[in-house]
N, C-alpha and C. Protein backbone atom coordinates (compact mmCIF):
# COMPACT_ATOMS: atom_id res chain seq x y z
N MET A 1 0.80 -1.08 0.27
CA MET A 1 -0.07 0.31 0.63
C MET A 1 1.36 1.25 -0.24
N ARG A 2 0.73 2.79 -0.48
CA ARG A 2 1.00 3.29 -1.00
C ARG A 2 1.61 3.86 0.75
N GLU A 3 2.27 4.81 0.78
CA GLU A 3 2.89 5.11 1.96
C GLU A 3 2.10 6.67 2.72
N ASP A 4 1.56 7.65 1.52
CA ASP A 4 0.60 8.36 1.96
C ASP A 4 -0.54 7.83 2.36
N VAL A 5 -1.49 6.42 1.28
CA VAL A 5 -2.48 6.57 2.24
C VAL A 5 -2.50 5.54 3.02
N CYS A 6 -0.76 4.56 3.77
CA CYS A 6 -0.97 4.06 4.85
C CYS A 6 -1.09 5.33 6.08
N ARG A 7 0.08 6.94 5.82
CA ARG A 7 -0.20 7.94 6.87
C ARG A 7 -2.17 7.97 6.78
N ALA A 8 -2.98 8.42 5.57
CA ALA A 8 -4.08 8.87 5.85
C ALA A 8 -5.31 7.75 6.73
N LEU A 9 -4.69 6.68 6.60
CA LEU A 9 -5.56 5.27 7.43
C LEU A 9 -5.23 5.51 8.52
N ALA A 10 -4.18 5.42 8.89
CA ALA A 10 -3.31 6.06 10.48
C ALA A 10 -3.73 7.22 11.74
N ILE A 11 -5.35 7.25 11.56
CA ILE A 11 -6.04 7.91 12.68
C ILE A 11 -5.65 7.60 13.93
N ASP A 12 -5.81 8.38 15.35
CA ASP A 12 -5.71 7.82 15.93
C ASP A 12 -6.72 8.77 16.56
N ALA A 13 -7.02 8.99 18.22
CA ALA A 13 -8.29 9.70 18.93
C ALA A 13 -8.34 11.26 18.59
N SER A 14 -6.68 11.17 18.35
CA SER A 14 -6.91 13.01 18.18
C SER A 14 -7.15 13.61 17.30
N SER A 15 -7.42 12.45 15.69
CA SER A 15 -7.54 13.20 14.14
C SER A 15 -8.64 13.80 14.41
N THR A 16 -9.10 14.44 13.29
CA THR A 16 -10.32 15.37 13.00
C THR A 16 -10.83 14.56 12.60
N LEU A 17 -12.71 15.49 12.30
CA LEU A 17 -13.57 14.74 11.61
C LEU A 17 -13.16 14.66 10.16
N GLU A 18 -12.20 15.79 9.08
CA GLU A 18 -12.09 15.85 8.13
C GLU A 18 -11.29 14.21 8.40
N ASP A 19 -9.98 13.93 8.73
CA ASP A 19 -9.17 13.12 8.34
C ASP A 19 -10.28 11.25 8.72
N ARG A 20 -11.44 11.33 8.89
CA ARG A 20 -11.55 10.63 9.25
C ARG A 20 -12.70 10.23 8.86
N THR A 21 -13.51 11.12 7.46
CA THR A 21 -14.69 11.50 6.70
C THR A 21 -13.89 10.27 5.59
N ILE A 22 -14.85 9.85 5.16
CA ILE A 22 -14.39 9.38 3.46
C ILE A 22 -15.88 8.54 3.10
N ASP A 23 -15.41 8.63 1.70
CA ASP A 23 -16.83 7.65 1.25
C ASP A 23 -16.82 6.40 1.37
N ILE A 24 -18.04 5.64 1.06
CA ILE A 24 -17.86 4.08 0.43
C ILE A 24 -18.52 4.39 -0.61
N THR A 25 -17.74 3.12 -1.51
CA THR A 25 -19.33 2.71 -2.80
C THR A 25 -20.10 1.06 -2.10
N THR A 26 -20.87 0.96 -2.11
CA THR A 26 -21.41 -0.75 -1.54
C THR A 26 -22.70 -1.28 -2.58
N THR A 27 -22.60 -2.06 -2.80
CA THR A 27 -23.33 -2.89 -3.85
C THR A 27 -24.98 -2.75 -2.80
N GLY A 28 -25.87 -2.36 -3.43
CA GLY A 28 -27.05 -2.36 -2.99
C GLY A 28 -27.66 -3.87 -3.16
N ARG A 29 -28.24 -3.82 -2.01
CA ARG A 29 -28.72 -5.85 -0.99
C ARG A 29 -29.80 -6.10 -2.70
N ARG A 30 -30.62 -5.24 -2.76
CA ARG A 30 -31.54 -5.99 -3.83
C ARG A 30 -31.77 -5.05 -5.77
N SER A 31 -30.48 -4.16 -5.57
CA SER A 31 -31.02 -3.62 -6.92
C SER A 31 -29.08 -4.33 -7.24
N GLY A 32 -28.64 -4.70 -6.81
CA GLY A 32 -27.11 -4.73 -7.44
C GLY A 32 -26.63 -3.90 -8.09
N GLN A 33 -27.31 -2.43 -7.32
CA GLN A 33 -25.86 -0.93 -8.40
C GLN A 33 -25.21 -0.57 -7.03
N PRO A 34 -24.58 0.14 -7.65
CA PRO A 34 -23.52 0.80 -6.85
C PRO A 34 -24.30 2.08 -6.02
N ARG A 35 -23.51 1.69 -4.85
CA ARG A 35 -24.53 3.30 -3.66
C ARG A 35 -23.21 3.73 -3.05
N ARG A 36 -23.15 5.02 -3.07
CA ARG A 36 -21.99 5.00 -2.10
C ARG A 36 -22.64 6.56 -1.74
N ILE A 37 -21.87 6.75 -0.17
CA ILE A 37 -22.57 7.50 0.88
C ILE A 37 -20.76 8.28 1.82
N GLU A 38 -21.42 9.18 2.28
CA GLU A 38 -20.24 9.63 3.19
C GLU A 38 -19.87 9.15 4.08
N ILE A 39 -18.83 8.77 4.65
CA ILE A 39 -19.09 8.18 6.37
C ILE A 39 -17.61 8.02 6.54
N VAL A 40 -17.90 8.16 8.38
CA VAL A 40 -16.22 8.05 9.15
C VAL A 40 -16.29 6.88 9.52
N PHE A 41 -13.92 6.97 9.41
CA PHE A 41 -13.99 5.69 9.77
C PHE A 41 -13.17 5.99 11.22
N TYR A 42 -12.65 4.84 11.66
CA TYR A 42 -12.41 4.22 13.26
C TYR A 42 -11.40 3.56 12.88
N ARG A 43 -10.16 3.41 13.86
CA ARG A 43 -9.40 2.64 14.18
C ARG A 43 -8.97 2.13 15.51
N LEU A 44 -8.60 1.51 15.91
CA LEU A 44 -8.86 0.70 16.67
C LEU A 44 -7.27 -0.74 16.42
N GLY A 45 -6.15 0.20 17.13
CA GLY A 45 -4.64 -0.67 17.47
C GLY A 45 -4.57 -0.84 15.96
N GLY A 46 -4.20 -1.72 14.79
CA GLY A 46 -3.74 -1.55 13.61
C GLY A 46 -5.21 -2.24 12.70
N GLU A 47 -6.41 -2.21 13.26
CA GLU A 47 -7.60 -2.01 12.60
C GLU A 47 -8.73 -1.37 12.35
N ILE A 48 -8.92 -1.18 10.68
CA ILE A 48 -9.90 0.01 10.96
C ILE A 48 -11.61 -0.52 10.63
N TYR A 49 -12.36 0.21 11.14
CA TYR A 49 -13.85 -0.21 11.19
C TYR A 49 -14.73 1.26 10.79
N LEU A 50 -15.75 0.66 10.65
CA LEU A 50 -16.75 1.75 10.18
C LEU A 50 -17.64 1.50 10.95
N SER A 51 -18.48 3.03 11.77
CA SER A 51 -19.44 2.78 12.71
C SER A 51 -20.09 4.30 12.57
N GLY A 52 -20.63 4.37 13.43
CA GLY A 52 -21.68 5.43 13.59
C GLY A 52 -22.53 5.33 14.86
N ILE A 53 -22.80 6.63 15.19
CA ILE A 53 -24.24 6.77 16.47
C ILE A 53 -24.84 5.76 15.99
N PRO A 54 -25.69 5.04 17.07
CA PRO A 54 -26.47 3.73 17.60
C PRO A 54 -27.99 5.31 16.53
N ALA A 55 -28.77 3.84 16.03
CA ALA A 55 -29.84 4.55 14.80
C ALA A 55 -30.75 3.61 15.29
N PRO A 56 -32.71 3.77 15.20
CA PRO A 56 -33.76 2.38 15.91
C PRO A 56 -33.40 1.17 14.02
N LYS A 57 -32.55 1.21 13.20
CA LYS A 57 -32.91 0.59 12.54
C LYS A 57 -31.32 0.20 11.65
N PRO A 58 -31.16 -0.44 10.84
CA PRO A 58 -29.31 -0.60 10.58
C PRO A 58 -29.69 0.37 9.47
N ARG A 59 -28.75 0.74 9.31
CA ARG A 59 -28.13 1.50 8.21
C ARG A 59 -28.46 0.91 7.00
N ASP A 60 -28.15 1.40 5.73
CA ASP A 60 -28.46 0.96 4.27
C ASP A 60 -27.02 0.56 3.56
N TRP A 61 -25.92 1.14 3.74
CA TRP A 61 -24.83 1.20 3.47
C TRP A 61 -24.54 -0.33 4.47
N LEU A 62 -24.90 -0.56 5.61
CA LEU A 62 -24.92 -1.65 6.28
C LEU A 62 -25.71 -3.01 6.36
N VAL A 63 -27.05 -2.60 5.41
CA VAL A 63 -27.08 -3.70 4.75
C VAL A 63 -26.85 -4.29 4.14
N ASN A 64 -26.37 -3.07 2.95
CA ASN A 64 -25.45 -3.70 1.83
C ASN A 64 -24.19 -4.24 1.82
N LEU A 65 -23.54 -3.99 3.64
CA LEU A 65 -22.04 -4.79 3.21
C LEU A 65 -22.55 -6.78 3.82
N GLU A 66 -23.83 -6.30 5.18
CA GLU A 66 -23.71 -8.10 5.17
C GLU A 66 -24.66 -8.85 3.37
N ALA A 67 -24.69 -7.94 2.54
CA ALA A 67 -25.40 -8.87 1.70
C ALA A 67 -24.20 -9.14 0.87
N HIS A 68 -23.13 -8.02 0.58
CA HIS A 68 -22.09 -7.82 -0.06
C HIS A 68 -20.43 -7.39 0.67
N PRO A 69 -19.97 -8.20 1.01
CA PRO A 69 -19.39 -7.48 2.32
C PRO A 69 -17.97 -6.52 1.15
N GLN A 70 -18.06 -6.87 0.09
CA GLN A 70 -17.44 -5.25 -1.02
C GLN A 70 -17.72 -4.75 -1.41
N PHE A 71 -16.62 -3.93 -1.20
CA PHE A 71 -16.82 -2.81 -1.18
C PHE A 71 -15.63 -1.85 -1.41
N THR A 72 -15.49 -0.29 -2.02
CA THR A 72 -14.62 0.42 -2.55
C THR A 72 -14.85 1.31 -1.04
N PHE A 73 -13.09 1.33 -0.53
CA PHE A 73 -13.56 2.90 0.53
C PHE A 73 -12.01 3.96 -0.15
N HIS A 74 -13.36 5.02 -0.10
CA HIS A 74 -12.57 5.74 -1.25
C HIS A 74 -11.76 7.24 0.17
N LEU A 75 -10.76 7.50 0.17
CA LEU A 75 -10.06 8.31 1.04
C LEU A 75 -10.40 9.45 -0.29
N LYS A 76 -10.52 10.86 0.47
CA LYS A 76 -10.58 11.95 -0.15
C LYS A 76 -10.57 13.32 0.71
N ASP A 77 -9.39 13.38 1.71
CA ASP A 77 -9.42 14.29 1.98
C ASP A 77 -7.73 14.71 1.57
N ARG A 78 -7.08 14.84 2.56
CA ARG A 78 -5.26 15.12 1.93
C ARG A 78 -4.82 14.29 0.90
N VAL A 79 -4.98 12.46 0.86
CA VAL A 79 -4.74 11.55 0.10
C VAL A 79 -5.83 11.60 -0.88
N ILE A 80 -5.84 11.33 -1.79
CA ILE A 80 -6.91 10.63 -2.40
C ILE A 80 -6.74 9.36 -3.40
N ALA A 81 -7.59 8.16 -3.15
CA ALA A 81 -7.78 7.01 -3.49
C ALA A 81 -9.35 6.28 -2.95
N ASP A 82 -8.82 5.05 -4.00
CA ASP A 82 -10.09 4.22 -3.72
C ASP A 82 -9.28 3.18 -3.76
N LEU A 83 -9.56 2.78 -2.21
CA LEU A 83 -9.06 0.66 -2.09
C LEU A 83 -10.56 0.10 -2.02
N ALA A 84 -9.64 -1.27 -2.92
CA ALA A 84 -10.88 -1.94 -3.05
C ALA A 84 -10.96 -3.41 -1.08
N ALA A 85 -11.66 -3.18 -0.84
CA ALA A 85 -11.81 -3.70 0.47
C ALA A 85 -13.10 -4.59 0.50
N VAL A 86 -12.99 -5.21 1.72
CA VAL A 86 -13.97 -6.10 2.38
C VAL A 86 -14.56 -5.86 4.34
N ALA A 87 -15.73 -5.94 4.28
CA ALA A 87 -15.60 -5.89 5.19
C ALA A 87 -17.35 -6.40 6.26
N PRO A 88 -17.05 -7.49 6.21
CA PRO A 88 -17.70 -8.28 7.36
C PRO A 88 -18.53 -7.36 8.55
N VAL A 89 -19.69 -7.55 8.91
CA VAL A 89 -20.60 -6.68 9.56
C VAL A 89 -19.96 -7.82 11.13
N ILE A 90 -20.10 -7.09 11.85
CA ILE A 90 -19.02 -7.36 13.43
C ILE A 90 -20.78 -7.74 13.87
N VAL A 91 -21.57 -9.05 14.35
CA VAL A 91 -22.43 -9.53 15.57
C VAL A 91 -22.48 -9.51 17.25
N ASP A 92 -21.34 -10.03 16.67
CA ASP A 92 -20.61 -10.83 18.09
C ASP A 92 -20.72 -9.68 19.51
N PRO A 93 -21.81 -10.30 20.59
CA PRO A 93 -22.03 -8.89 21.31
C PRO A 93 -20.83 -8.46 22.05
N ALA A 94 -19.68 -9.76 22.25
CA ALA A 94 -18.55 -8.95 23.11
C ALA A 94 -17.84 -9.06 22.25
N GLU A 95 -17.74 -8.63 20.85
CA GLU A 95 -16.96 -7.98 20.29
C GLU A 95 -17.34 -6.93 20.12
N ARG A 96 -18.56 -6.41 19.42
CA ARG A 96 -19.07 -5.43 19.32
C ARG A 96 -18.69 -4.13 20.63
N ARG A 97 -19.09 -4.93 21.94
CA ARG A 97 -18.58 -4.22 22.67
C ARG A 97 -17.00 -3.93 23.61
N ARG A 98 -16.24 -5.11 22.94
CA ARG A 98 -14.87 -4.82 22.83
C ARG A 98 -14.11 -3.64 22.15
N VAL A 99 -14.61 -3.25 21.31
CA VAL A 99 -14.96 -2.84 19.55
C VAL A 99 -15.21 -1.11 20.21
N LEU A 100 -16.56 -1.19 20.35
CA LEU A 100 -17.16 0.20 20.59
C LEU A 100 -16.69 1.08 22.33
N ALA A 101 -16.41 -0.02 22.72
CA ALA A 101 -16.24 0.91 24.19
C ALA A 101 -15.19 1.89 23.77
N VAL A 102 -14.24 1.55 23.21
CA VAL A 102 -13.55 2.31 22.74
C VAL A 102 -13.94 3.66 22.11
N PHE A 103 -14.54 3.75 21.00
CA PHE A 103 -15.01 4.66 19.96
C PHE A 103 -16.07 5.46 20.80
N VAL A 104 -16.59 4.88 21.75
CA VAL A 104 -17.58 5.90 22.64
C VAL A 104 -16.90 6.72 23.23
N GLU A 105 -15.66 6.18 23.78
CA GLU A 105 -15.03 6.71 24.98
C GLU A 105 -14.35 8.22 23.87
N GLU A 106 -13.77 8.02 23.02
CA GLU A 106 -13.31 8.55 21.93
C GLU A 106 -14.42 9.99 21.41
N PHE A 107 -16.10 9.40 21.45
CA PHE A 107 -16.71 10.13 21.19
C PHE A 107 -16.82 11.66 21.78
N ASN A 108 -17.34 10.16 23.08
CA ASN A 108 -17.15 11.96 24.30
C ASN A 108 -16.83 12.34 24.42
N ARG A 109 -15.39 11.86 24.32
CA ARG A 109 -13.86 13.06 24.76
C ARG A 109 -13.96 14.12 23.60
N ARG A 110 -14.38 14.03 22.10
CA ARG A 110 -14.39 14.71 21.44
C ARG A 110 -15.65 16.12 21.41
N GLN A 111 -16.44 15.79 22.09
CA GLN A 111 -17.91 16.45 21.99
C GLN A 111 -17.87 17.83 22.85
N GLY A 112 -17.87 18.22 22.27
CA GLY A 112 -17.32 20.04 23.85
C GLY A 112 -18.38 20.23 24.34
N ARG A 113 -18.95 21.26 25.05
CA ARG A 113 -19.57 21.65 26.06
C ARG A 113 -20.74 22.32 24.92
N ASP A 114 -20.58 23.05 23.52
CA ASP A 114 -21.95 22.84 22.99
C ASP A 114 -22.67 21.90 21.92
N THR A 115 -22.08 20.82 22.07
CA THR A 115 -22.28 20.09 20.95
C THR A 115 -23.75 19.64 20.97
N SER A 116 -24.25 19.15 19.88
CA SER A 116 -26.35 19.09 19.78
C SER A 116 -25.84 18.43 19.58
N TRP A 117 -24.92 16.59 20.16
CA TRP A 117 -25.12 15.22 20.46
C TRP A 117 -24.96 15.03 21.67
N PRO A 118 -26.28 14.04 22.14
CA PRO A 118 -26.10 13.20 23.50
C PRO A 118 -24.69 12.78 23.63
N LYS A 119 -24.44 12.57 24.97
CA LYS A 119 -23.03 11.35 25.49
C LYS A 119 -24.03 10.40 24.84
N ALA A 120 -22.75 9.92 24.46
CA ALA A 120 -22.50 8.64 23.76
C ALA A 120 -23.00 7.40 25.03
N ILE A 121 -23.32 6.41 24.60
CA ILE A 121 -23.76 5.61 26.34
C ILE A 121 -23.54 4.06 25.57
N LEU A 122 -22.84 3.28 26.04
CA LEU A 122 -21.99 2.13 25.66
C LEU A 122 -22.84 0.81 24.76
N ASP A 123 -23.90 0.54 25.79
CA ASP A 123 -24.53 -0.36 25.64
C ASP A 123 -26.04 0.00 25.12
N GLU A 124 -26.42 1.40 24.44
CA GLU A 124 -26.73 1.72 23.09
C GLU A 124 -26.08 1.25 21.97
N TRP A 125 -24.90 1.90 22.34
CA TRP A 125 -24.02 2.06 20.81
C TRP A 125 -23.66 0.15 20.54
N VAL A 126 -23.15 -0.60 21.80
CA VAL A 126 -23.21 -1.75 21.44
C VAL A 126 -25.33 -3.00 20.37
N GLU A 127 -25.90 -2.56 21.47
CA GLU A 127 -27.22 -2.30 20.62
C GLU A 127 -27.72 -1.79 19.30
N HIS A 128 -27.09 -0.80 19.24
CA HIS A 128 -27.61 -0.15 17.59
C HIS A 128 -27.23 0.33 16.85
N SER A 129 -25.84 0.55 17.48
CA SER A 129 -24.44 1.25 16.02
C SER A 129 -24.02 0.12 15.26
N PRO A 130 -24.00 0.97 13.88
CA PRO A 130 -23.33 0.01 12.60
C PRO A 130 -22.04 -0.63 13.30
N LEU A 131 -21.14 -1.49 12.56
CA LEU A 131 -19.53 -2.41 13.02
C LEU A 131 -19.89 -2.58 11.88
N ALA A 132 -18.77 -2.54 11.40
CA ALA A 132 -17.84 -3.47 10.62
C ALA A 132 -16.66 -3.67 10.22
N LYS A 133 -15.83 -4.61 10.11
CA LYS A 133 -14.15 -4.56 10.13
C LYS A 133 -13.47 -4.22 9.09
N VAL A 134 -13.30 -3.79 8.44
CA VAL A 134 -12.72 -3.24 7.32
C VAL A 134 -10.88 -3.71 6.54
N THR A 135 -11.04 -4.77 6.10
CA THR A 135 -10.09 -5.52 5.79
C THR A 135 -9.67 -4.64 3.73
N PHE A 136 -8.15 -4.50 3.68
CA PHE A 136 -8.34 -4.05 2.07
C PHE A 136 -8.12 -4.60 1.36
N ALA A 137 -8.36 -5.17 0.34
CA ALA A 137 -7.53 -6.26 -0.84
C ALA A 137 -6.10 -5.95 -1.39
N GLU A 138 -5.58 -4.81 -0.96
CA GLU A 138 -4.36 -4.56 -1.62
C GLU A 138 -3.32 -4.31 0.06
N THR A 139 -2.03 -4.83 0.55
CA THR A 139 -2.01 -4.84 1.28
C THR A 139 -0.52 -4.61 1.88
């Protein structure tokens, strides 16, 4: 993998929202058509994850990944790159809790007093947040 891409993926708890913002292109579960959306990614150790705040129903992108785990990870801030990847959805409660505990802590730390976001609650994230682990085809 290119060095500039590796640096762009090497986010940490202090990384800005811009550093974390990417697009992904999934394959529609029913349509089979490409679907591109903006999302943020997370890093835990050397692993990359796609996640987000809890929602009452699964996100379309997550449902698409359940049906077709292959997708394109589009870096678009300081580095422009389209990376072939696979992202199985994580459903095991213990694994979800282990990973999301770190993301919840980071989320709460990044929120200032003037934020419109409520404090993240780990149990809510474990129950209702999307979570998929990314593996890149190019290593």
